[in-house]
Amino acid sequence: MNNIRLFDEFEWLAETGYIRTGQSLFPYSFRDTLLTVQGLNVLKATPKSLQLKEMVGEKLVRLVREGSMELAKEAARAAVALGVENA
């Protein structure tokens, strides 16, 4: 069952232009499979939700320069908490 799902996913990737395949050996493999330029671009893409407008360090420097010490402290705490969370 898992092999059939994987086959379907490879078929979809080929149909949508993300990969180019040669011969398919159902249900186990595809031969001569290549990642297309479209597929490569998708792999390099970063979702907008993960894109930072400003790096944490840059934000801290900006807040300190603006005199927003309380906001800078909050940003520093959030950065440390995120670092600990991802450690």
N, C-alpha and C. Protein backbone atom coordinates (compact mmCIF):
# COMPACT_ATOMS: atom_id res chain seq x y z
N MET A 1 0.82 -1.20 0.00
CA MET A 1 0.00 0.00 0.00
C MET A 1 0.87 1.26 0.00
N ASN A 2 1.93 1.30 0.81
CA ASN A 2 2.79 2.47 0.84
C ASN A 2 3.49 2.68 -0.49
N ASN A 3 3.84 1.59 -1.19
CA ASN A 3 4.48 1.71 -2.49
C ASN A 3 3.56 2.37 -3.50
N ILE A 4 2.28 2.05 -3.44
CA ILE A 4 1.32 2.63 -4.38
C ILE A 4 1.16 4.12 -4.11
N ARG A 5 1.12 4.50 -2.84
CA ARG A 5 1.03 5.93 -2.51
C ARG A 5 2.25 6.67 -3.03
N LEU A 6 3.42 6.09 -2.83
CA LEU A 6 4.64 6.73 -3.28
C LEU A 6 4.63 6.86 -4.80
N PHE A 7 4.16 5.82 -5.49
CA PHE A 7 4.05 5.87 -6.94
C PHE A 7 3.14 7.01 -7.36
N ASP A 8 1.99 7.15 -6.70
CA ASP A 8 1.05 8.22 -7.02
C ASP A 8 1.68 9.60 -6.80
N GLU A 9 2.47 9.73 -5.74
CA GLU A 9 3.12 11.01 -5.47
C GLU A 9 4.15 11.33 -6.54
N PHE A 10 4.92 10.33 -6.96
CA PHE A 10 5.88 10.56 -8.04
C PHE A 10 5.15 10.91 -9.34
N GLU A 11 4.05 10.25 -9.61
CA GLU A 11 3.26 10.58 -10.79
C GLU A 11 2.78 12.03 -10.75
N TRP A 12 2.30 12.46 -9.58
CA TRP A 12 1.82 13.84 -9.43
C TRP A 12 2.97 14.82 -9.64
N LEU A 13 4.13 14.53 -9.04
CA LEU A 13 5.30 15.41 -9.21
C LEU A 13 5.68 15.53 -10.68
N ALA A 14 5.60 14.42 -11.41
CA ALA A 14 5.92 14.45 -12.84
C ALA A 14 4.85 15.22 -13.63
N GLU A 15 3.60 14.98 -13.33
CA GLU A 15 2.51 15.65 -14.05
C GLU A 15 2.51 17.15 -13.84
N THR A 16 2.93 17.60 -12.67
CA THR A 16 2.94 19.03 -12.37
C THR A 16 4.25 19.70 -12.76
N GLY A 17 5.22 18.91 -13.26
CA GLY A 17 6.45 19.50 -13.78
C GLY A 17 7.58 19.65 -12.77
N TYR A 18 7.44 19.09 -11.58
CA TYR A 18 8.50 19.21 -10.58
C TYR A 18 9.64 18.23 -10.82
N ILE A 19 9.33 17.08 -11.43
CA ILE A 19 10.36 16.11 -11.80
C ILE A 19 10.09 15.64 -13.23
N ARG A 20 11.14 15.13 -13.85
CA ARG A 20 11.02 14.52 -15.16
C ARG A 20 11.47 13.08 -15.01
N THR A 21 10.68 12.16 -15.49
CA THR A 21 11.01 10.75 -15.31
C THR A 21 11.14 10.05 -16.65
N GLY A 22 11.92 8.99 -16.60
CA GLY A 22 12.03 8.13 -17.77
C GLY A 22 11.00 7.03 -17.62
N GLN A 23 11.46 5.83 -17.47
CA GLN A 23 10.61 4.66 -17.37
C GLN A 23 10.13 4.47 -15.94
N SER A 24 8.84 4.16 -15.76
CA SER A 24 8.33 3.82 -14.43
C SER A 24 8.21 2.32 -14.32
N LEU A 25 8.66 1.79 -13.21
CA LEU A 25 8.60 0.36 -12.95
C LEU A 25 7.61 0.14 -11.82
N PHE A 26 6.33 0.27 -12.12
CA PHE A 26 5.26 0.21 -11.13
C PHE A 26 5.37 -1.07 -10.32
N PRO A 27 5.16 -1.07 -9.03
CA PRO A 27 4.91 0.08 -8.17
C PRO A 27 6.16 0.49 -7.40
N TYR A 28 7.32 0.05 -7.86
CA TYR A 28 8.49 0.19 -7.00
C TYR A 28 9.43 1.34 -7.33
N SER A 29 9.56 1.74 -8.57
CA SER A 29 10.56 2.76 -8.83
C SER A 29 10.32 3.48 -10.15
N PHE A 30 11.01 4.59 -10.28
CA PHE A 30 11.09 5.34 -11.52
C PHE A 30 12.55 5.34 -11.94
N ARG A 31 12.81 5.20 -13.21
CA ARG A 31 14.18 5.27 -13.70
C ARG A 31 14.41 6.61 -14.36
N ASP A 32 15.66 7.06 -14.30
CA ASP A 32 16.06 8.30 -14.97
C ASP A 32 15.20 9.49 -14.53
N THR A 33 15.06 9.65 -13.23
CA THR A 33 14.25 10.74 -12.68
C THR A 33 15.14 11.94 -12.37
N LEU A 34 14.72 13.10 -12.82
CA LEU A 34 15.48 14.34 -12.62
C LEU A 34 14.59 15.41 -12.01
N LEU A 35 15.19 16.24 -11.19
CA LEU A 35 14.50 17.39 -10.63
C LEU A 35 14.54 18.50 -11.68
N THR A 36 13.39 19.07 -12.00
CA THR A 36 13.34 20.14 -13.00
C THR A 36 13.71 21.48 -12.35
N VAL A 37 13.86 22.50 -13.18
CA VAL A 37 14.14 23.84 -12.67
C VAL A 37 13.00 24.28 -11.75
N GLN A 38 11.77 23.98 -12.14
CA GLN A 38 10.60 24.32 -11.31
C GLN A 38 10.71 23.62 -9.95
N GLY A 39 11.08 22.36 -9.94
CA GLY A 39 11.24 21.62 -8.68
C GLY A 39 12.34 22.19 -7.82
N LEU A 40 13.46 22.56 -8.45
CA LEU A 40 14.57 23.15 -7.71
C LEU A 40 14.17 24.48 -7.10
N ASN A 41 13.43 25.30 -7.84
CA ASN A 41 12.98 26.59 -7.32
C ASN A 41 12.07 26.42 -6.11
N VAL A 42 11.23 25.39 -6.12
CA VAL A 42 10.36 25.14 -4.98
C VAL A 42 11.19 24.75 -3.76
N LEU A 43 12.22 23.96 -3.96
CA LEU A 43 13.08 23.55 -2.85
C LEU A 43 13.81 24.74 -2.25
N LYS A 44 14.14 25.73 -3.06
CA LYS A 44 14.85 26.91 -2.57
C LYS A 44 13.92 27.95 -1.95
N ALA A 45 12.63 27.81 -2.17
CA ALA A 45 11.68 28.81 -1.71
C ALA A 45 11.50 28.74 -0.19
N THR A 46 11.24 29.87 0.40
CA THR A 46 10.95 29.96 1.83
C THR A 46 9.54 30.52 1.98
N PRO A 47 8.66 29.81 2.69
CA PRO A 47 7.31 30.33 2.88
C PRO A 47 7.33 31.71 3.55
N LYS A 48 6.41 32.56 3.18
CA LYS A 48 6.35 33.91 3.75
C LYS A 48 6.25 33.88 5.27
N SER A 49 5.57 32.87 5.79
CA SER A 49 5.41 32.79 7.25
C SER A 49 6.74 32.56 7.96
N LEU A 50 7.75 32.06 7.23
CA LEU A 50 9.06 31.81 7.83
C LEU A 50 10.08 32.89 7.51
N GLN A 51 9.71 33.81 6.66
CA GLN A 51 10.64 34.87 6.30
C GLN A 51 10.64 35.95 7.37
N LEU A 52 11.82 36.33 7.79
CA LEU A 52 11.95 37.38 8.78
C LEU A 52 12.16 38.71 8.07
N LYS A 53 11.42 39.71 8.49
CA LYS A 53 11.63 41.03 7.94
C LYS A 53 12.92 41.62 8.49
N GLU A 54 13.24 41.22 9.71
CA GLU A 54 14.40 41.78 10.39
C GLU A 54 14.98 40.68 11.29
N MET A 55 16.28 40.51 11.22
CA MET A 55 16.93 39.51 12.06
C MET A 55 16.82 39.97 13.52
N VAL A 56 16.85 39.02 14.44
CA VAL A 56 16.67 39.33 15.86
C VAL A 56 17.74 40.32 16.34
N GLY A 57 18.99 40.07 15.96
CA GLY A 57 20.07 40.97 16.37
C GLY A 57 19.87 42.38 15.84
N GLU A 58 19.46 42.48 14.59
CA GLU A 58 19.21 43.80 14.00
C GLU A 58 18.07 44.52 14.73
N LYS A 59 17.04 43.74 15.10
CA LYS A 59 15.90 44.33 15.81
C LYS A 59 16.35 44.86 17.17
N LEU A 60 17.17 44.07 17.88
CA LEU A 60 17.65 44.51 19.18
C LEU A 60 18.46 45.80 19.06
N VAL A 61 19.36 45.87 18.10
CA VAL A 61 20.18 47.07 17.90
C VAL A 61 19.29 48.26 17.59
N ARG A 62 18.31 48.07 16.70
CA ARG A 62 17.41 49.17 16.34
C ARG A 62 16.62 49.66 17.55
N LEU A 63 16.09 48.73 18.35
CA LEU A 63 15.30 49.13 19.52
C LEU A 63 16.15 49.88 20.54
N VAL A 64 17.39 49.43 20.74
CA VAL A 64 18.28 50.12 21.69
C VAL A 64 18.59 51.52 21.17
N ARG A 65 18.89 51.64 19.88
CA ARG A 65 19.19 52.95 19.30
C ARG A 65 18.00 53.91 19.40
N GLU A 66 16.79 53.33 19.30
CA GLU A 66 15.59 54.16 19.40
C GLU A 66 15.24 54.48 20.85
N GLY A 67 15.96 53.87 21.78
CA GLY A 67 15.69 54.11 23.19
C GLY A 67 14.55 53.27 23.74
N SER A 68 14.14 52.27 23.04
CA SER A 68 13.04 51.41 23.48
C SER A 68 13.59 50.24 24.27
N MET A 69 14.13 50.52 25.44
CA MET A 69 14.80 49.49 26.23
C MET A 69 13.86 48.37 26.66
N GLU A 70 12.64 48.69 27.02
CA GLU A 70 11.70 47.65 27.45
C GLU A 70 11.38 46.70 26.29
N LEU A 71 11.16 47.27 25.11
CA LEU A 71 10.90 46.42 23.94
C LEU A 71 12.13 45.60 23.59
N ALA A 72 13.32 46.18 23.75
CA ALA A 72 14.56 45.46 23.48
C ALA A 72 14.70 44.29 24.46
N LYS A 73 14.37 44.51 25.72
CA LYS A 73 14.43 43.43 26.71
C LYS A 73 13.46 42.31 26.35
N GLU A 74 12.24 42.68 25.95
CA GLU A 74 11.25 41.68 25.56
C GLU A 74 11.73 40.88 24.34
N ALA A 75 12.32 41.59 23.37
CA ALA A 75 12.82 40.91 22.17
C ALA A 75 13.96 39.96 22.53
N ALA A 76 14.83 40.39 23.44
CA ALA A 76 15.94 39.53 23.88
C ALA A 76 15.41 38.29 24.59
N ARG A 77 14.43 38.47 25.47
CA ARG A 77 13.84 37.31 26.15
C ARG A 77 13.21 36.34 25.16
N ALA A 78 12.50 36.88 24.18
CA ALA A 78 11.86 36.04 23.18
C ALA A 78 12.90 35.28 22.36
N ALA A 79 14.00 35.94 22.02
CA ALA A 79 15.06 35.29 21.25
C ALA A 79 15.70 34.16 22.05
N VAL A 80 15.96 34.42 23.32
CA VAL A 80 16.55 33.38 24.17
C VAL A 80 15.59 32.21 24.33
N ALA A 81 14.32 32.51 24.54
CA ALA A 81 13.32 31.46 24.69
C ALA A 81 13.23 30.62 23.42
N LEU A 82 13.27 31.27 22.27
CA LEU A 82 13.22 30.55 21.00
C LEU A 82 14.46 29.69 20.81
N GLY A 83 15.61 30.23 21.19
CA GLY A 83 16.84 29.46 21.11
C GLY A 83 16.82 28.23 21.99
N VAL A 84 16.31 28.37 23.21
CA VAL A 84 16.21 27.24 24.14
C VAL A 84 15.21 26.22 23.61
N GLU A 85 14.12 26.70 23.05
CA GLU A 85 13.06 25.85 22.52
C GLU A 85 13.58 24.99 21.35
N ASN A 86 14.45 25.57 20.54
CA ASN A 86 14.95 24.88 19.35
C ASN A 86 16.26 24.13 19.60
N ALA A 87 16.75 24.16 20.82
CA ALA A 87 18.02 23.50 21.13
C ALA A 87 17.86 22.01 21.27
